[in-house]
N, C-alpha and C. Protein backbone atom coordinates (compact mmCIF):
# COMPACT_ATOMS: atom_id res chain seq x y z
N UNK A 1 -76.84 35.04 -184.94
CA UNK A 1 -75.67 34.43 -185.78
C UNK A 1 -74.46 34.42 -184.82
N UNK A 2 -73.62 33.45 -185.11
CA UNK A 2 -72.59 33.22 -184.41
C UNK A 2 -71.41 33.92 -185.24
N UNK A 3 -70.35 34.44 -184.57
CA UNK A 3 -69.15 34.94 -185.15
C UNK A 3 -68.02 34.25 -184.56
N UNK A 4 -67.18 33.59 -185.44
CA UNK A 4 -66.00 32.96 -184.71
C UNK A 4 -64.88 33.71 -185.11
N UNK A 5 -63.85 33.94 -183.89
CA UNK A 5 -62.59 34.63 -184.13
C UNK A 5 -61.51 33.77 -183.57
N UNK A 6 -60.41 33.73 -184.19
CA UNK A 6 -59.21 33.26 -183.47
C UNK A 6 -58.25 34.07 -182.98
N UNK A 7 -57.38 33.80 -182.07
CA UNK A 7 -56.33 34.45 -181.53
C UNK A 7 -55.32 33.70 -181.35
N UNK A 8 -54.00 34.23 -181.86
CA UNK A 8 -52.86 33.39 -181.55
C UNK A 8 -52.14 33.97 -180.45
N UNK A 9 -52.22 33.06 -179.36
CA UNK A 9 -51.80 33.45 -178.04
C UNK A 9 -50.08 33.13 -177.85
N UNK A 10 -49.81 33.08 -176.49
CA UNK A 10 -48.32 32.84 -176.26
C UNK A 10 -47.62 31.46 -176.85
N UNK A 11 -46.54 31.43 -177.33
CA UNK A 11 -46.00 30.13 -177.83
C UNK A 11 -46.76 29.66 -179.06
N UNK A 12 -47.28 30.48 -179.64
CA UNK A 12 -48.29 30.08 -181.15
C UNK A 12 -49.36 29.34 -180.95
N UNK A 13 -49.98 29.27 -179.63
CA UNK A 13 -51.05 28.62 -179.43
C UNK A 13 -52.36 29.40 -179.86
N UNK A 14 -53.21 28.59 -180.57
CA UNK A 14 -54.41 29.31 -180.93
C UNK A 14 -55.65 29.11 -180.09
N UNK A 15 -56.39 30.05 -180.00
CA UNK A 15 -57.67 30.22 -179.21
C UNK A 15 -58.76 30.23 -180.10
N UNK A 16 -59.98 29.74 -180.13
CA UNK A 16 -61.03 30.04 -180.86
C UNK A 16 -62.13 30.74 -179.98
N UNK A 17 -62.57 31.73 -180.42
CA UNK A 17 -63.90 32.51 -179.39
C UNK A 17 -65.08 32.37 -180.27
N UNK A 18 -65.99 32.12 -179.68
CA UNK A 18 -67.26 32.36 -180.34
C UNK A 18 -68.30 33.13 -179.60
N UNK A 19 -68.64 34.12 -180.44
CA UNK A 19 -69.64 35.09 -179.77
C UNK A 19 -71.02 34.92 -180.17
N UNK A 20 -71.75 34.59 -179.10
CA UNK A 20 -73.37 34.44 -179.13
C UNK A 20 -74.01 35.50 -178.51
N UNK A 21 -74.57 36.44 -179.59
CA UNK A 21 -75.20 37.58 -178.74
C UNK A 21 -76.43 37.19 -178.05
N UNK A 22 -76.41 37.93 -176.72
CA UNK A 22 -77.67 37.65 -175.85
C UNK A 22 -78.71 38.33 -176.36
N UNK A 23 -80.00 37.84 -175.91
CA UNK A 23 -81.11 38.61 -176.50
C UNK A 23 -81.18 39.62 -175.55
N UNK A 24 -81.84 40.93 -176.47
CA UNK A 24 -81.87 42.01 -175.69
C UNK A 24 -83.35 42.15 -174.90
N UNK A 25 -83.02 42.89 -173.71
CA UNK A 25 -84.41 43.12 -172.98
C UNK A 25 -85.36 44.04 -173.72
N UNK A 26 -86.38 43.83 -173.20
CA UNK A 26 -87.46 44.65 -173.90
C UNK A 26 -87.30 46.38 -173.85
N UNK A 27 -86.70 46.77 -172.64
CA UNK A 27 -86.41 48.22 -172.36
C UNK A 27 -85.12 48.16 -172.18
N UNK A 28 -84.60 49.32 -171.92
CA UNK A 28 -83.32 49.80 -171.62
C UNK A 28 -83.07 49.85 -170.21
N UNK A 29 -82.08 49.12 -169.67
CA UNK A 29 -81.83 49.01 -168.25
C UNK A 29 -80.32 49.57 -168.05
N UNK A 30 -80.13 50.73 -167.25
CA UNK A 30 -78.75 50.86 -167.11
C UNK A 30 -78.32 50.95 -165.62
N UNK A 31 -77.18 50.29 -165.24
CA UNK A 31 -76.73 50.05 -163.92
C UNK A 31 -75.37 50.88 -163.93
N UNK A 32 -75.09 51.84 -162.97
CA UNK A 32 -74.16 52.72 -163.04
C UNK A 32 -73.50 52.63 -161.55
N UNK A 33 -72.22 52.77 -161.32
CA UNK A 33 -71.32 52.89 -160.28
C UNK A 33 -70.56 54.20 -160.22
N UNK A 34 -70.75 55.03 -159.37
CA UNK A 34 -70.12 56.10 -159.50
C UNK A 34 -69.33 56.46 -157.97
N UNK A 35 -68.03 56.80 -158.18
CA UNK A 35 -67.33 57.08 -157.05
C UNK A 35 -66.87 58.53 -157.17
N UNK A 36 -66.85 59.27 -156.06
CA UNK A 36 -66.70 60.65 -155.89
C UNK A 36 -65.73 61.00 -154.65
N UNK A 37 -64.76 61.87 -154.88
CA UNK A 37 -63.98 62.34 -153.82
C UNK A 37 -64.20 63.72 -153.63
N UNK A 38 -64.58 64.20 -152.44
CA UNK A 38 -64.81 65.69 -152.29
C UNK A 38 -63.53 66.17 -151.31
N UNK A 39 -62.88 67.17 -151.66
CA UNK A 39 -61.78 67.70 -151.02
C UNK A 39 -62.12 69.16 -150.49
N UNK A 40 -61.57 69.34 -149.19
CA UNK A 40 -61.42 70.68 -148.62
C UNK A 40 -59.98 70.87 -148.06
N UNK A 41 -59.49 72.05 -148.62
CA UNK A 41 -58.24 72.38 -148.30
C UNK A 41 -57.15 71.50 -148.64
N UNK A 42 -57.01 71.01 -149.90
CA UNK A 42 -56.33 69.86 -150.40
C UNK A 42 -56.71 68.66 -149.82
N UNK A 43 -55.94 67.97 -149.09
CA UNK A 43 -56.47 66.80 -148.47
C UNK A 43 -56.54 66.89 -147.00
N UNK A 44 -56.76 68.01 -146.40
CA UNK A 44 -57.11 68.20 -144.98
C UNK A 44 -58.36 67.58 -144.55
N UNK A 45 -59.32 67.77 -145.25
CA UNK A 45 -60.58 66.96 -145.38
C UNK A 45 -61.13 66.39 -146.34
N UNK A 46 -61.28 65.07 -146.47
CA UNK A 46 -61.57 64.05 -147.60
C UNK A 46 -62.92 63.38 -147.31
N UNK A 47 -63.71 63.41 -148.35
CA UNK A 47 -65.02 62.67 -148.19
C UNK A 47 -65.29 61.88 -149.26
N UNK A 48 -65.41 60.51 -149.05
CA UNK A 48 -65.75 59.58 -150.32
C UNK A 48 -67.10 59.33 -150.42
N UNK A 49 -67.71 59.36 -151.44
CA UNK A 49 -69.12 58.78 -151.84
C UNK A 49 -68.98 57.52 -152.72
N UNK A 50 -69.59 56.70 -152.64
CA UNK A 50 -69.63 55.47 -153.67
C UNK A 50 -71.30 55.33 -154.04
N UNK A 51 -71.72 55.44 -155.04
CA UNK A 51 -73.10 55.59 -155.43
C UNK A 51 -73.37 54.39 -156.45
N UNK A 52 -74.68 53.64 -156.33
CA UNK A 52 -75.18 52.82 -157.24
C UNK A 52 -76.39 53.20 -157.56
N UNK A 53 -76.57 53.29 -159.07
CA UNK A 53 -77.76 53.83 -159.66
C UNK A 53 -78.25 52.69 -160.58
N UNK A 54 -79.58 52.67 -160.63
CA UNK A 54 -80.43 51.66 -161.57
C UNK A 54 -81.45 52.69 -162.24
N UNK A 55 -81.28 52.79 -163.40
CA UNK A 55 -82.29 53.34 -164.27
C UNK A 55 -82.46 54.88 -163.79
N UNK A 56 -81.51 55.56 -163.42
CA UNK A 56 -81.30 56.95 -163.05
C UNK A 56 -81.55 57.13 -161.73
N UNK A 57 -81.83 56.08 -161.07
CA UNK A 57 -82.32 56.25 -159.49
C UNK A 57 -81.24 55.66 -158.70
N UNK A 58 -80.73 56.39 -157.58
CA UNK A 58 -79.89 55.94 -156.77
C UNK A 58 -80.51 54.94 -155.74
N UNK A 59 -79.89 53.93 -155.72
CA UNK A 59 -80.61 52.96 -154.82
C UNK A 59 -79.81 52.54 -153.66
N UNK A 60 -78.44 52.91 -153.76
CA UNK A 60 -77.76 52.46 -152.43
C UNK A 60 -76.31 53.35 -152.60
N UNK A 61 -75.93 53.70 -151.32
CA UNK A 61 -74.55 54.52 -151.42
C UNK A 61 -73.83 54.31 -150.27
N UNK A 62 -72.56 54.78 -150.19
CA UNK A 62 -71.63 54.66 -149.09
C UNK A 62 -71.21 56.02 -148.98
N UNK A 63 -71.04 56.58 -147.86
CA UNK A 63 -70.72 58.06 -147.48
C UNK A 63 -69.57 57.78 -146.27
N UNK A 64 -68.44 58.36 -146.72
CA UNK A 64 -67.41 58.17 -145.71
C UNK A 64 -67.56 58.83 -144.26
N UNK A 65 -68.39 59.99 -144.41
CA UNK A 65 -68.90 60.62 -143.26
C UNK A 65 -69.61 59.79 -142.33
N UNK A 66 -70.64 58.83 -142.79
CA UNK A 66 -71.50 57.97 -142.04
C UNK A 66 -70.74 56.74 -141.78
N UNK A 67 -69.93 56.33 -142.79
CA UNK A 67 -69.20 55.00 -142.51
C UNK A 67 -69.85 53.78 -142.66
N UNK A 68 -71.12 53.89 -143.29
CA UNK A 68 -71.79 52.79 -143.49
C UNK A 68 -72.64 52.72 -144.90
N UNK A 69 -72.99 51.59 -145.39
CA UNK A 69 -73.73 51.66 -146.56
C UNK A 69 -75.08 51.97 -146.31
N UNK A 70 -75.77 52.70 -147.07
CA UNK A 70 -77.11 53.15 -146.98
C UNK A 70 -78.06 52.76 -148.18
N UNK A 71 -79.12 52.21 -147.85
CA UNK A 71 -80.22 51.82 -149.01
C UNK A 71 -81.10 53.17 -149.29
N UNK A 72 -80.92 53.55 -150.53
CA UNK A 72 -81.90 54.77 -150.83
C UNK A 72 -83.20 54.32 -151.21
N UNK A 73 -83.45 53.25 -151.57
CA UNK A 73 -84.78 52.69 -152.15
C UNK A 73 -84.93 51.04 -151.67
N UNK A 74 -85.71 50.34 -151.80
CA UNK A 74 -86.02 49.13 -151.33
C UNK A 74 -85.27 48.15 -152.16
N UNK A 75 -85.01 48.40 -153.39
CA UNK A 75 -84.05 47.69 -154.31
C UNK A 75 -82.58 47.65 -153.75
N UNK A 76 -82.33 48.66 -153.13
CA UNK A 76 -80.84 48.72 -152.46
C UNK A 76 -80.89 48.08 -151.13
N UNK A 77 -81.81 47.88 -150.48
CA UNK A 77 -81.74 47.38 -149.05
C UNK A 77 -81.01 46.14 -148.96
N UNK A 78 -81.25 44.85 -149.73
CA UNK A 78 -80.39 43.70 -149.66
C UNK A 78 -78.91 43.94 -149.78
N UNK A 79 -78.57 44.75 -150.75
CA UNK A 79 -77.26 45.12 -151.05
C UNK A 79 -76.50 45.76 -149.75
N UNK A 80 -77.17 46.84 -149.50
CA UNK A 80 -76.57 47.64 -148.33
C UNK A 80 -76.51 46.72 -147.09
N UNK A 81 -77.59 45.92 -146.78
CA UNK A 81 -77.43 45.04 -145.56
C UNK A 81 -76.16 43.89 -145.63
N UNK A 82 -76.09 43.34 -146.90
CA UNK A 82 -75.09 42.58 -147.13
C UNK A 82 -73.79 43.24 -146.87
N UNK A 83 -73.45 44.41 -147.51
CA UNK A 83 -72.21 45.06 -147.49
C UNK A 83 -71.94 45.48 -146.33
N UNK A 84 -72.83 45.99 -145.26
CA UNK A 84 -72.74 46.37 -144.04
C UNK A 84 -72.30 45.10 -143.06
N UNK A 85 -72.75 43.98 -143.42
CA UNK A 85 -72.41 42.71 -142.53
C UNK A 85 -71.08 42.12 -143.06
N UNK A 86 -70.51 42.52 -144.08
CA UNK A 86 -69.13 41.91 -144.58
C UNK A 86 -68.08 42.80 -144.00
N UNK A 87 -67.43 42.40 -142.98
CA UNK A 87 -66.27 43.28 -142.39
C UNK A 87 -65.29 43.81 -143.40
N UNK A 88 -64.89 42.76 -144.58
CA UNK A 88 -64.07 43.14 -145.48
C UNK A 88 -64.40 44.25 -146.49
N UNK A 89 -65.72 44.15 -146.89
CA UNK A 89 -66.26 45.29 -147.71
C UNK A 89 -66.52 46.43 -147.09
N UNK A 90 -66.91 46.49 -145.76
CA UNK A 90 -67.05 47.79 -145.17
C UNK A 90 -65.51 48.38 -144.57
N UNK A 91 -64.62 47.48 -144.44
CA UNK A 91 -63.30 48.00 -144.15
C UNK A 91 -62.76 48.84 -145.51
N UNK A 92 -62.85 48.17 -146.74
CA UNK A 92 -62.46 48.68 -147.96
C UNK A 92 -63.12 50.11 -148.12
N UNK A 93 -64.46 50.16 -147.85
CA UNK A 93 -65.22 51.33 -148.28
C UNK A 93 -64.64 52.26 -147.37
N UNK A 94 -64.53 52.12 -146.11
CA UNK A 94 -64.10 53.11 -145.07
C UNK A 94 -62.70 53.70 -145.29
N UNK A 95 -61.94 52.75 -145.85
CA UNK A 95 -60.47 53.23 -146.06
C UNK A 95 -60.28 53.86 -147.28
N UNK A 96 -61.37 53.87 -148.23
CA UNK A 96 -61.36 54.50 -149.58
C UNK A 96 -60.99 56.01 -149.55
N UNK A 97 -61.40 56.76 -148.56
CA UNK A 97 -60.89 58.26 -148.39
C UNK A 97 -59.34 58.29 -148.47
N UNK A 98 -58.79 57.44 -147.88
CA UNK A 98 -57.25 57.43 -147.93
C UNK A 98 -56.60 56.67 -149.20
N UNK A 99 -57.17 55.35 -149.50
CA UNK A 99 -56.53 54.45 -150.39
C UNK A 99 -56.98 54.93 -151.94
N UNK A 100 -58.03 55.47 -152.02
CA UNK A 100 -58.56 55.95 -153.21
C UNK A 100 -58.49 57.47 -153.33
N UNK A 101 -58.98 58.16 -152.77
CA UNK A 101 -59.18 59.63 -152.91
C UNK A 101 -57.54 60.47 -152.67
N UNK A 102 -57.16 60.16 -151.43
CA UNK A 102 -55.98 60.88 -151.04
C UNK A 102 -54.76 60.29 -152.04
N UNK A 103 -54.69 59.13 -152.48
CA UNK A 103 -53.75 58.40 -153.29
C UNK A 103 -53.76 59.12 -154.60
N UNK A 104 -55.21 59.28 -155.23
CA UNK A 104 -55.10 59.74 -156.31
C UNK A 104 -54.95 61.35 -156.47
N UNK A 105 -55.02 61.96 -155.17
CA UNK A 105 -54.96 63.50 -155.17
C UNK A 105 -53.41 63.65 -155.34
N UNK A 106 -52.75 62.94 -154.42
CA UNK A 106 -51.36 62.86 -154.53
C UNK A 106 -50.46 62.66 -155.98
N UNK A 107 -50.90 61.82 -156.48
CA UNK A 107 -50.57 61.22 -158.08
C UNK A 107 -51.00 62.49 -158.92
N UNK A 108 -51.93 63.22 -158.69
CA UNK A 108 -52.43 64.27 -159.68
C UNK A 108 -52.03 65.71 -159.18
N UNK A 109 -51.47 65.67 -157.93
CA UNK A 109 -51.16 67.11 -157.36
C UNK A 109 -50.32 67.76 -158.43
N UNK A 110 -50.44 69.09 -158.36
CA UNK A 110 -49.58 69.86 -159.30
C UNK A 110 -50.01 70.04 -160.74
N UNK A 111 -51.06 69.24 -161.22
CA UNK A 111 -51.36 69.19 -162.53
C UNK A 111 -52.61 70.16 -162.95
N UNK A 112 -53.18 70.83 -161.83
CA UNK A 112 -54.14 71.83 -161.91
C UNK A 112 -55.44 71.11 -162.30
N UNK A 113 -55.64 69.76 -162.07
CA UNK A 113 -56.88 69.02 -162.36
C UNK A 113 -57.81 69.13 -161.37
N UNK A 114 -57.41 69.19 -160.07
CA UNK A 114 -58.32 69.32 -158.92
C UNK A 114 -58.72 70.42 -158.66
N UNK A 115 -59.91 70.48 -157.91
CA UNK A 115 -60.58 71.72 -157.41
C UNK A 115 -61.10 71.28 -155.97
N UNK A 116 -61.78 72.30 -155.43
CA UNK A 116 -62.24 71.92 -153.99
C UNK A 116 -63.30 70.69 -154.04
N UNK A 117 -63.96 70.65 -155.24
CA UNK A 117 -64.89 69.50 -155.26
C UNK A 117 -64.65 68.64 -156.62
N UNK A 118 -64.02 67.80 -156.74
CA UNK A 118 -63.32 67.17 -157.95
C UNK A 118 -64.12 65.79 -158.02
N UNK A 119 -64.73 65.72 -159.14
CA UNK A 119 -65.49 64.06 -159.40
C UNK A 119 -64.09 63.21 -159.91
N UNK A 120 -64.24 61.95 -159.33
CA UNK A 120 -63.29 61.14 -159.68
C UNK A 120 -63.85 59.85 -160.39
N UNK A 121 -63.38 59.54 -161.50
CA UNK A 121 -64.03 58.61 -162.27
C UNK A 121 -64.47 57.69 -161.40
């Protein structure tokens, strides 16, 4: 079934949205991306992990200690190869210990939320 909704946008313009439900797959398939920051002595040593998981199995990850994307399964091989060949993607991942982890540590410093091994959304 289709459901229609209207939304009054800026300057009184109206937009109509039609929601068409997609057919559900036979089984349940879950794709997750998890980013983790590991801290030692505050921000003296920071390790960034970016993990990709399909149906509870990690298929590719980036570890700032290694500096490259690693395929954990055959499913992750094409992604890891592509990400390692793209200089912009690789540079962003390599910089994440500073731009993501250290930045968020400083923002939350003093709140008592952080410990030596804190998971970050």
